[in-house]
N, C-alpha and C. Protein backbone atom coordinates (compact mmCIF):
# COMPACT_ATOMS: atom_id res chain seq x y z
N MET A 1 159.63 58.55 127.27
CA MET A 1 159.50 57.40 128.13
C MET A 1 160.31 57.61 129.41
N ARG A 2 161.42 58.29 129.28
CA ARG A 2 162.26 58.54 130.47
C ARG A 2 161.48 59.41 131.47
N GLN A 3 160.76 60.41 130.96
CA GLN A 3 159.98 61.29 131.85
C GLN A 3 158.86 60.51 132.53
N ALA A 4 158.22 59.61 131.80
CA ALA A 4 157.15 58.80 132.37
C ALA A 4 157.69 57.90 133.47
N ARG A 5 158.92 57.34 133.27
CA ARG A 5 159.52 56.49 134.31
C ARG A 5 159.82 57.32 135.55
N ALA A 6 160.35 58.52 135.37
CA ALA A 6 160.66 59.38 136.52
C ALA A 6 159.38 59.74 137.28
N ASP A 7 158.29 60.01 136.55
CA ASP A 7 157.01 60.33 137.20
C ASP A 7 156.50 59.13 138.00
N LEU A 8 156.63 57.92 137.44
CA LEU A 8 156.19 56.72 138.14
C LEU A 8 157.03 56.48 139.40
N GLU A 9 158.35 56.71 139.32
CA GLU A 9 159.21 56.53 140.50
C GLU A 9 158.81 57.51 141.60
N ALA A 10 158.52 58.76 141.21
CA ALA A 10 158.10 59.75 142.21
C ALA A 10 156.77 59.35 142.83
N ALA A 11 155.82 58.85 142.03
CA ALA A 11 154.53 58.42 142.54
C ALA A 11 154.68 57.22 143.48
N ALA A 12 155.60 56.29 143.14
CA ALA A 12 155.84 55.12 143.99
C ALA A 12 156.42 55.55 145.33
N GLU A 13 157.36 56.50 145.30
CA GLU A 13 157.97 56.99 146.54
C GLU A 13 156.92 57.68 147.42
N THR A 14 156.05 58.50 146.83
CA THR A 14 154.99 59.16 147.59
C THR A 14 154.04 58.12 148.17
N ALA A 15 153.73 57.07 147.43
CA ALA A 15 152.84 56.01 147.90
C ALA A 15 153.46 55.26 149.06
N ARG A 16 154.81 55.04 149.03
CA ARG A 16 155.48 54.36 150.14
C ARG A 16 155.39 55.19 151.41
N VAL A 17 155.60 56.51 151.25
CA VAL A 17 155.56 57.40 152.42
C VAL A 17 154.15 57.41 153.02
N GLU A 18 153.14 57.41 152.20
CA GLU A 18 151.76 57.47 152.67
C GLU A 18 151.20 56.08 152.99
N ARG A 19 152.02 55.05 152.85
CA ARG A 19 151.64 53.65 153.11
C ARG A 19 150.46 53.22 152.23
N ASP A 20 150.50 53.65 150.98
CA ASP A 20 149.47 53.30 149.99
C ASP A 20 149.72 51.86 149.53
N PRO A 21 148.70 51.01 149.46
CA PRO A 21 148.91 49.62 149.03
C PRO A 21 149.32 49.50 147.56
N LEU A 22 149.15 50.55 146.78
CA LEU A 22 149.54 50.50 145.36
C LEU A 22 151.01 50.85 145.14
N ALA A 23 151.77 51.13 146.18
CA ALA A 23 153.18 51.49 146.03
C ALA A 23 153.97 50.42 145.30
N PRO A 24 153.82 49.11 145.62
CA PRO A 24 154.59 48.10 144.89
C PRO A 24 154.19 48.03 143.41
N VAL A 25 152.92 48.27 143.13
CA VAL A 25 152.46 48.24 141.73
C VAL A 25 153.11 49.37 140.95
N LEU A 26 153.13 50.57 141.53
CA LEU A 26 153.76 51.71 140.85
C LEU A 26 155.24 51.47 140.65
N ALA A 27 155.90 50.88 141.64
CA ALA A 27 157.33 50.57 141.51
C ALA A 27 157.57 49.55 140.41
N GLY A 28 156.69 48.56 140.32
CA GLY A 28 156.82 47.55 139.26
C GLY A 28 156.64 48.15 137.88
N LEU A 29 155.65 49.05 137.74
CA LEU A 29 155.44 49.72 136.44
C LEU A 29 156.65 50.57 136.07
N SER A 30 157.24 51.23 137.08
CA SER A 30 158.43 52.05 136.83
C SER A 30 159.58 51.19 136.35
N SER A 31 159.79 50.02 137.00
CA SER A 31 160.87 49.10 136.60
C SER A 31 160.63 48.59 135.19
N SER A 32 159.37 48.24 134.86
CA SER A 32 159.05 47.76 133.51
C SER A 32 159.36 48.81 132.47
N LEU A 33 158.95 50.02 132.76
CA LEU A 33 159.19 51.12 131.82
C LEU A 33 160.68 51.35 131.66
N GLY A 34 161.45 51.20 132.75
CA GLY A 34 162.91 51.33 132.67
C GLY A 34 163.51 50.27 131.79
N ALA A 35 162.99 49.04 131.88
CA ALA A 35 163.50 47.95 131.05
C ALA A 35 163.21 48.22 129.58
N MET A 36 162.03 48.76 129.31
CA MET A 36 161.69 49.08 127.91
C MET A 36 162.57 50.19 127.37
N VAL A 37 162.90 51.18 128.20
CA VAL A 37 163.80 52.27 127.77
C VAL A 37 165.16 51.70 127.45
N ALA A 38 165.66 50.79 128.29
CA ALA A 38 166.97 50.19 128.05
C ALA A 38 166.96 49.36 126.78
N LEU A 39 165.88 48.60 126.57
CA LEU A 39 165.77 47.78 125.36
C LEU A 39 165.73 48.65 124.11
N GLN A 40 165.00 49.73 124.18
CA GLN A 40 164.93 50.65 123.04
C GLN A 40 166.30 51.24 122.74
N ALA A 41 167.06 51.62 123.78
CA ALA A 41 168.39 52.19 123.59
C ALA A 41 169.32 51.18 122.94
N ARG A 42 169.26 49.90 123.38
CA ARG A 42 170.12 48.87 122.79
C ARG A 42 169.75 48.63 121.33
N MET A 43 168.43 48.60 121.03
CA MET A 43 168.01 48.37 119.64
C MET A 43 168.48 49.49 118.73
N GLU A 44 168.35 50.73 119.18
CA GLU A 44 168.78 51.86 118.37
C GLU A 44 170.28 51.85 118.17
N ALA A 45 171.05 51.39 119.18
CA ALA A 45 172.51 51.35 119.07
C ALA A 45 172.97 50.28 118.10
N SER A 46 172.22 49.14 118.05
CA SER A 46 172.65 48.05 117.18
C SER A 46 172.10 48.16 115.76
N ARG A 47 171.22 49.07 115.54
CA ARG A 47 170.60 49.21 114.22
C ARG A 47 171.58 49.86 113.25
N GLU A 48 171.61 49.31 112.06
CA GLU A 48 172.47 49.89 111.02
C GLU A 48 171.72 51.05 110.38
N PRO A 49 172.39 52.11 110.05
CA PRO A 49 171.71 53.24 109.40
C PRO A 49 171.26 52.85 107.99
N LEU A 50 170.11 53.42 107.59
CA LEU A 50 169.57 53.14 106.26
C LEU A 50 170.18 54.10 105.24
N ASP A 51 170.62 53.51 104.10
CA ASP A 51 171.08 54.38 103.02
C ASP A 51 169.86 54.81 102.20
N ALA A 52 170.05 55.68 101.23
CA ALA A 52 168.95 56.25 100.44
C ALA A 52 168.22 55.17 99.66
N LYS A 53 168.96 54.19 99.14
CA LYS A 53 168.34 53.13 98.35
C LYS A 53 167.43 52.27 99.23
N ALA A 54 167.89 51.90 100.42
CA ALA A 54 167.08 51.09 101.33
C ALA A 54 165.86 51.87 101.80
N ARG A 55 166.04 53.14 102.08
CA ARG A 55 164.92 53.98 102.51
C ARG A 55 163.88 54.07 101.40
N ALA A 56 164.35 54.22 100.13
CA ALA A 56 163.42 54.30 99.00
C ALA A 56 162.67 52.98 98.82
N GLU A 57 163.35 51.85 98.99
CA GLU A 57 162.70 50.55 98.87
C GLU A 57 161.66 50.36 99.97
N MET A 58 161.99 50.75 101.20
CA MET A 58 161.05 50.63 102.31
C MET A 58 159.82 51.51 102.06
N THR A 59 160.03 52.70 101.54
CA THR A 59 158.92 53.61 101.22
C THR A 59 158.04 53.01 100.12
N ARG A 60 158.68 52.43 99.11
CA ARG A 60 157.93 51.80 98.00
C ARG A 60 157.06 50.66 98.53
N GLN A 61 157.60 49.83 99.40
CA GLN A 61 156.85 48.71 99.95
C GLN A 61 155.67 49.21 100.81
N LEU A 62 155.92 50.27 101.57
CA LEU A 62 154.85 50.84 102.38
C LEU A 62 153.72 51.39 101.51
N VAL A 63 154.09 52.11 100.46
CA VAL A 63 153.08 52.67 99.53
C VAL A 63 152.32 51.54 98.85
N GLN A 64 153.01 50.48 98.44
CA GLN A 64 152.36 49.36 97.78
C GLN A 64 151.38 48.67 98.72
N ALA A 65 151.77 48.49 99.97
CA ALA A 65 150.87 47.86 100.95
C ALA A 65 149.65 48.73 101.19
N CYS A 66 149.86 50.03 101.32
CA CYS A 66 148.73 50.96 101.52
C CYS A 66 147.80 50.97 100.32
N ARG A 67 148.37 50.95 99.12
CA ARG A 67 147.57 50.95 97.90
C ARG A 67 146.72 49.69 97.81
N ALA A 68 147.31 48.54 98.14
CA ALA A 68 146.56 47.27 98.10
C ALA A 68 145.40 47.31 99.09
N ASP A 69 145.65 47.83 100.29
CA ASP A 69 144.56 47.95 101.27
C ASP A 69 143.48 48.89 100.76
N PHE A 70 143.88 50.01 100.16
CA PHE A 70 142.91 50.98 99.65
C PHE A 70 142.06 50.35 98.55
N VAL A 71 142.71 49.63 97.62
CA VAL A 71 141.97 49.01 96.52
C VAL A 71 140.99 47.97 97.06
N ARG A 72 141.41 47.17 98.05
CA ARG A 72 140.54 46.15 98.63
C ARG A 72 139.33 46.81 99.31
N LEU A 73 139.58 47.87 100.07
CA LEU A 73 138.48 48.57 100.75
C LEU A 73 137.56 49.26 99.75
N ALA A 74 138.14 49.87 98.72
CA ALA A 74 137.33 50.57 97.71
C ALA A 74 136.46 49.58 96.95
N ALA A 75 136.99 48.39 96.66
CA ALA A 75 136.19 47.39 95.94
C ALA A 75 135.00 46.96 96.79
N GLY A 76 135.23 46.76 98.08
CA GLY A 76 134.13 46.39 98.97
C GLY A 76 133.09 47.49 99.04
N GLN A 77 133.53 48.73 99.14
CA GLN A 77 132.60 49.86 99.19
C GLN A 77 131.82 49.97 97.88
N SER A 78 132.51 49.72 96.77
CA SER A 78 131.88 49.82 95.45
C SER A 78 130.77 48.78 95.32
N ARG A 79 131.04 47.55 95.76
CA ARG A 79 130.02 46.51 95.69
C ARG A 79 128.83 46.87 96.58
N ARG A 80 129.11 47.33 97.78
CA ARG A 80 128.02 47.71 98.69
C ARG A 80 127.20 48.84 98.09
N LEU A 81 127.89 49.82 97.51
CA LEU A 81 127.18 50.95 96.91
C LEU A 81 126.32 50.48 95.74
N ALA A 82 126.84 49.55 94.94
CA ALA A 82 126.06 49.03 93.81
C ALA A 82 124.83 48.29 94.29
N VAL A 83 124.97 47.48 95.33
CA VAL A 83 123.83 46.72 95.86
C VAL A 83 122.80 47.68 96.45
N VAL A 84 123.25 48.64 97.24
CA VAL A 84 122.32 49.60 97.85
C VAL A 84 121.62 50.42 96.77
N SER A 85 122.37 50.83 95.74
CA SER A 85 121.75 51.60 94.65
C SER A 85 120.72 50.76 93.90
N GLY A 86 121.05 49.51 93.65
CA GLY A 86 120.11 48.62 92.95
C GLY A 86 118.84 48.40 93.76
N VAL A 87 119.00 48.17 95.05
CA VAL A 87 117.83 47.97 95.91
C VAL A 87 117.00 49.25 95.96
N GLY A 88 117.68 50.40 96.07
CA GLY A 88 116.96 51.67 96.09
C GLY A 88 116.19 51.91 94.81
N ALA A 89 116.82 51.60 93.67
CA ALA A 89 116.13 51.78 92.39
C ALA A 89 114.93 50.85 92.27
N ALA A 90 115.08 49.60 92.75
CA ALA A 90 113.97 48.66 92.69
C ALA A 90 112.81 49.12 93.57
N VAL A 91 113.13 49.61 94.76
CA VAL A 91 112.08 50.10 95.66
C VAL A 91 111.38 51.30 95.03
N LEU A 92 112.16 52.21 94.45
CA LEU A 92 111.57 53.38 93.80
C LEU A 92 110.67 52.98 92.63
N LEU A 93 111.13 52.01 91.83
CA LEU A 93 110.32 51.54 90.70
C LEU A 93 109.02 50.90 91.19
N LEU A 94 109.11 50.05 92.21
CA LEU A 94 107.91 49.41 92.74
C LEU A 94 106.95 50.44 93.33
N ALA A 95 107.50 51.42 94.03
CA ALA A 95 106.65 52.47 94.61
C ALA A 95 105.96 53.26 93.50
N THR A 96 106.68 53.56 92.43
CA THR A 96 106.09 54.30 91.31
C THR A 96 105.00 53.49 90.63
N LEU A 97 105.29 52.20 90.39
CA LEU A 97 104.28 51.35 89.75
C LEU A 97 103.05 51.21 90.65
N GLY A 98 103.28 50.97 91.93
CA GLY A 98 102.15 50.84 92.86
C GLY A 98 101.35 52.11 92.94
N GLY A 99 102.04 53.25 93.01
CA GLY A 99 101.33 54.54 93.06
C GLY A 99 100.53 54.79 91.80
N GLY A 100 101.12 54.48 90.64
CA GLY A 100 100.40 54.65 89.38
C GLY A 100 99.17 53.76 89.30
N TYR A 101 99.33 52.53 89.77
CA TYR A 101 98.19 51.60 89.76
C TYR A 101 97.07 52.13 90.66
N LEU A 102 97.44 52.53 91.87
CA LEU A 102 96.43 53.04 92.80
C LEU A 102 95.77 54.32 92.28
N TRP A 103 96.55 55.21 91.66
CA TRP A 103 95.99 56.44 91.10
C TRP A 103 95.00 56.10 89.98
N GLY A 104 95.40 55.21 89.07
CA GLY A 104 94.52 54.83 87.96
C GLY A 104 93.26 54.15 88.45
N ARG A 105 93.42 53.32 89.45
CA ARG A 105 92.26 52.62 90.00
C ARG A 105 91.28 53.60 90.65
N SER A 106 91.81 54.56 91.40
CA SER A 106 90.92 55.54 92.05
C SER A 106 90.27 56.44 91.01
N LYS A 107 91.01 56.78 89.95
CA LYS A 107 90.44 57.63 88.89
C LYS A 107 89.31 56.89 88.17
N GLU A 108 89.54 55.62 87.88
CA GLU A 108 88.51 54.82 87.21
C GLU A 108 87.27 54.70 88.10
N ALA A 109 87.49 54.47 89.39
CA ALA A 109 86.35 54.35 90.32
C ALA A 109 85.58 55.67 90.38
N ALA A 110 86.28 56.80 90.35
CA ALA A 110 85.60 58.11 90.37
C ALA A 110 84.77 58.30 89.10
N GLU A 111 85.31 57.88 87.95
CA GLU A 111 84.56 58.02 86.70
C GLU A 111 83.33 57.11 86.70
N VAL A 112 83.46 55.92 87.25
CA VAL A 112 82.31 55.01 87.33
C VAL A 112 81.24 55.59 88.25
N ARG A 113 81.69 56.18 89.39
CA ARG A 113 80.71 56.80 90.30
C ARG A 113 79.99 57.95 89.61
N ALA A 114 80.73 58.76 88.85
CA ALA A 114 80.11 59.90 88.15
C ALA A 114 79.12 59.40 87.11
N ALA A 115 79.51 58.37 86.34
CA ALA A 115 78.61 57.82 85.32
C ALA A 115 77.39 57.18 85.98
N SER A 116 77.61 56.54 87.11
CA SER A 116 76.48 55.92 87.82
C SER A 116 75.48 56.98 88.26
N GLY A 117 75.98 58.12 88.70
CA GLY A 117 75.08 59.21 89.10
C GLY A 117 74.26 59.71 87.94
N VAL A 118 74.88 59.85 86.77
CA VAL A 118 74.15 60.31 85.58
C VAL A 118 73.10 59.29 85.18
N ILE A 119 73.48 58.02 85.20
CA ILE A 119 72.53 56.96 84.82
C ILE A 119 71.38 56.91 85.82
N ARG A 120 71.69 57.02 87.10
CA ARG A 120 70.66 57.01 88.13
C ARG A 120 69.68 58.17 87.92
N ALA A 121 70.22 59.34 87.57
CA ALA A 121 69.35 60.50 87.34
C ALA A 121 68.47 60.27 86.11
N ALA A 122 69.05 59.67 85.06
CA ALA A 122 68.28 59.43 83.84
C ALA A 122 67.19 58.39 84.08
N LEU A 123 67.45 57.44 84.96
CA LEU A 123 66.48 56.38 85.20
C LEU A 123 65.48 56.73 86.29
N SER A 124 65.62 57.90 86.88
CA SER A 124 64.74 58.28 88.00
C SER A 124 63.33 58.61 87.54
N GLU A 125 63.12 58.73 86.24
CA GLU A 125 61.79 59.09 85.74
C GLU A 125 60.88 57.89 85.60
N GLY A 126 61.33 56.72 85.99
CA GLY A 126 60.46 55.54 85.98
C GLY A 126 60.90 54.50 84.98
N SER A 127 60.05 53.47 84.86
CA SER A 127 60.42 52.33 84.03
C SER A 127 60.39 52.65 82.54
N THR A 128 59.56 53.58 82.12
CA THR A 128 59.51 53.94 80.70
C THR A 128 60.83 54.55 80.27
N SER A 129 61.35 55.47 81.09
CA SER A 129 62.64 56.11 80.80
C SER A 129 63.76 55.07 80.83
N ALA A 130 63.71 54.19 81.81
CA ALA A 130 64.75 53.17 81.92
C ALA A 130 64.73 52.25 80.71
N GLN A 131 63.56 51.87 80.26
CA GLN A 131 63.45 50.98 79.10
C GLN A 131 63.94 51.67 77.83
N ALA A 132 63.64 52.97 77.67
CA ALA A 132 64.08 53.72 76.49
C ALA A 132 65.61 53.79 76.44
N TRP A 133 66.23 54.08 77.61
CA TRP A 133 67.71 54.14 77.65
C TRP A 133 68.30 52.76 77.39
N ALA A 134 67.71 51.73 77.96
CA ALA A 134 68.24 50.37 77.76
C ALA A 134 68.17 49.98 76.29
N ASP A 135 67.04 50.30 75.63
CA ASP A 135 66.91 49.98 74.20
C ASP A 135 67.92 50.76 73.37
N ALA A 136 68.11 52.04 73.67
CA ALA A 136 69.06 52.86 72.90
C ALA A 136 70.49 52.32 73.08
N ILE A 137 70.82 51.92 74.28
CA ILE A 137 72.18 51.40 74.52
C ILE A 137 72.37 50.06 73.81
N ARG A 138 71.35 49.19 73.84
CA ARG A 138 71.46 47.88 73.22
C ARG A 138 71.56 47.99 71.69
N ARG A 139 70.84 48.92 71.08
CA ARG A 139 70.81 49.04 69.63
C ARG A 139 71.98 49.80 69.04
N ASN A 140 72.69 50.58 69.84
CA ASN A 140 73.73 51.45 69.30
C ASN A 140 75.07 51.22 70.02
N ASP A 141 76.12 51.27 69.23
CA ASP A 141 77.48 51.20 69.79
C ASP A 141 77.90 52.64 70.07
N LEU A 142 77.65 53.11 71.30
CA LEU A 142 77.86 54.52 71.61
C LEU A 142 79.32 54.95 71.45
N VAL A 143 80.24 54.12 71.88
CA VAL A 143 81.66 54.48 71.76
C VAL A 143 82.04 54.58 70.28
N GLY A 144 81.56 53.63 69.48
CA GLY A 144 81.85 53.67 68.04
C GLY A 144 81.20 54.88 67.37
N LEU A 145 79.98 55.20 67.76
CA LEU A 145 79.29 56.36 67.17
C LEU A 145 80.00 57.66 67.52
N LEU A 146 80.40 57.81 68.78
CA LEU A 146 81.08 59.04 69.19
C LEU A 146 82.45 59.18 68.53
N ALA A 147 83.06 58.08 68.15
CA ALA A 147 84.35 58.14 67.46
C ALA A 147 84.20 58.75 66.07
N ARG A 148 83.00 58.74 65.52
CA ARG A 148 82.76 59.33 64.20
C ARG A 148 82.59 60.85 64.26
N CYS A 149 82.57 61.44 65.45
CA CYS A 149 82.32 62.87 65.62
C CYS A 149 83.59 63.66 65.27
N GLU A 150 83.79 63.86 64.00
CA GLU A 150 84.94 64.63 63.51
C GLU A 150 84.50 65.45 62.30
N GLY A 151 85.24 66.49 62.05
CA GLY A 151 85.04 67.28 60.84
C GLY A 151 83.67 67.92 60.73
N ARG A 152 82.98 67.69 59.57
CA ARG A 152 81.71 68.34 59.27
C ARG A 152 80.56 67.85 60.14
N SER A 153 80.72 66.69 60.77
CA SER A 153 79.61 66.18 61.57
C SER A 153 79.53 66.89 62.93
N VAL A 154 80.48 67.79 63.24
CA VAL A 154 80.47 68.51 64.51
C VAL A 154 80.16 69.98 64.24
N TRP A 155 79.28 70.57 65.04
CA TRP A 155 79.00 72.00 64.96
C TRP A 155 78.82 72.54 66.37
N ALA A 156 78.78 73.87 66.50
CA ALA A 156 78.64 74.51 67.82
C ALA A 156 77.47 75.48 67.78
N ASP A 157 76.77 75.60 68.91
CA ASP A 157 75.68 76.57 68.99
C ASP A 157 76.26 77.92 69.45
N PRO A 158 75.45 78.98 69.52
CA PRO A 158 75.97 80.31 69.88
C PRO A 158 76.66 80.35 71.26
N THR A 159 76.33 79.44 72.17
CA THR A 159 76.96 79.47 73.49
C THR A 159 78.29 78.73 73.50
N GLY A 160 78.64 78.04 72.41
CA GLY A 160 79.91 77.32 72.32
C GLY A 160 79.79 75.83 72.58
N ARG A 161 78.59 75.35 72.93
CA ARG A 161 78.42 73.91 73.15
C ARG A 161 78.48 73.20 71.82
N ARG A 162 79.20 72.08 71.80
CA ARG A 162 79.36 71.34 70.54
C ARG A 162 78.35 70.20 70.45
N ALA A 163 77.98 69.87 69.22
CA ALA A 163 77.06 68.76 68.96
C ALA A 163 77.61 67.96 67.79
N CYS A 164 77.12 66.73 67.68
CA CYS A 164 77.62 65.85 66.62
C CYS A 164 76.44 65.13 65.99
N ALA A 165 76.46 64.99 64.67
CA ALA A 165 75.41 64.29 63.95
C ALA A 165 75.85 62.85 63.72
N VAL A 166 75.24 61.94 64.45
CA VAL A 166 75.49 60.52 64.25
C VAL A 166 74.15 59.82 64.18
N PRO A 167 74.06 58.69 63.49
CA PRO A 167 72.78 57.99 63.43
C PRO A 167 72.49 57.31 64.78
N LEU A 168 71.30 57.51 65.27
CA LEU A 168 70.86 56.84 66.50
C LEU A 168 69.82 55.82 66.06
N TRP A 169 70.16 54.55 66.14
CA TRP A 169 69.29 53.49 65.64
C TRP A 169 68.14 53.28 66.60
N LEU A 170 66.93 53.32 66.05
CA LEU A 170 65.72 53.14 66.84
C LEU A 170 65.18 51.72 66.74
N ASP A 171 65.57 51.01 65.69
CA ASP A 171 65.13 49.62 65.48
C ASP A 171 66.30 48.68 65.74
N GLU A 172 65.94 47.40 65.88
CA GLU A 172 66.97 46.37 66.08
C GLU A 172 67.83 46.27 64.82
N ALA A 173 69.07 45.90 65.01
CA ALA A 173 69.96 45.72 63.87
C ALA A 173 69.51 44.49 63.10
N PRO A 174 69.55 44.57 61.75
CA PRO A 174 69.12 43.40 60.98
C PRO A 174 70.12 42.25 61.20
N PRO A 175 69.63 41.03 61.11
CA PRO A 175 70.56 39.88 61.28
C PRO A 175 71.56 39.89 60.14
N PRO A 176 72.76 39.37 60.39
CA PRO A 176 73.76 39.36 59.32
C PRO A 176 73.26 38.52 58.15
N VAL A 177 73.56 38.98 56.95
CA VAL A 177 73.12 38.31 55.72
C VAL A 177 74.15 37.27 55.37
N ALA A 178 73.66 36.10 55.03
CA ALA A 178 74.56 35.02 54.63
C ALA A 178 75.09 35.33 53.24
N PRO A 179 76.36 35.06 53.03
CA PRO A 179 76.90 35.34 51.68
C PRO A 179 76.21 34.46 50.64
N THR A 180 75.98 35.06 49.48
CA THR A 180 75.36 34.32 48.40
C THR A 180 76.44 33.86 47.45
N GLY A 181 76.13 32.88 46.72
CA GLY A 181 77.07 32.38 45.72
C GLY A 181 77.63 31.03 46.13
N PRO A 182 78.35 30.45 45.20
CA PRO A 182 78.88 29.10 45.47
C PRO A 182 79.96 29.11 46.55
N ARG A 183 79.97 28.07 47.31
CA ARG A 183 81.03 27.92 48.31
C ARG A 183 82.10 27.02 47.73
N SER A 184 83.30 27.33 48.06
CA SER A 184 84.38 26.50 47.51
C SER A 184 84.99 25.61 48.53
């Protein structure tokens, strides 16, 4: 501080010689700095020296204050991190669910388009073909019949294509029979 005051005094003197309007300001800053140097010297002279016990107590209080600030800041960071992590996980979950839904929907639409093409090709032979397919579908539970294709009912031809023996109903299903016997 003493060197800074000396530099300010030299700058003020140069400003006076050059008739700089800031000369009084520099002189005022130099005087202020001189007063602070004097105050610091008086405070240091009147201060009692610290013994080892007082120094240890002051260090303990400083560490305790720093620790409390650290714990307070860490708790705030921990809460923020938990909230950000929770929001991130929720966004990721929603994105995954949405993506899975869209994928399944597009896959189902592709399968329907493929089946529609096969049906359109089968029905292209006219109304007789269309009526035969409609009757076969109405009389038979195709999904249920294909579920029976296991074990001995499945065989393969020399090219490796597999076939299944299931009954294909050509007539209408008989109406359900009413139970006979006494009712209770």
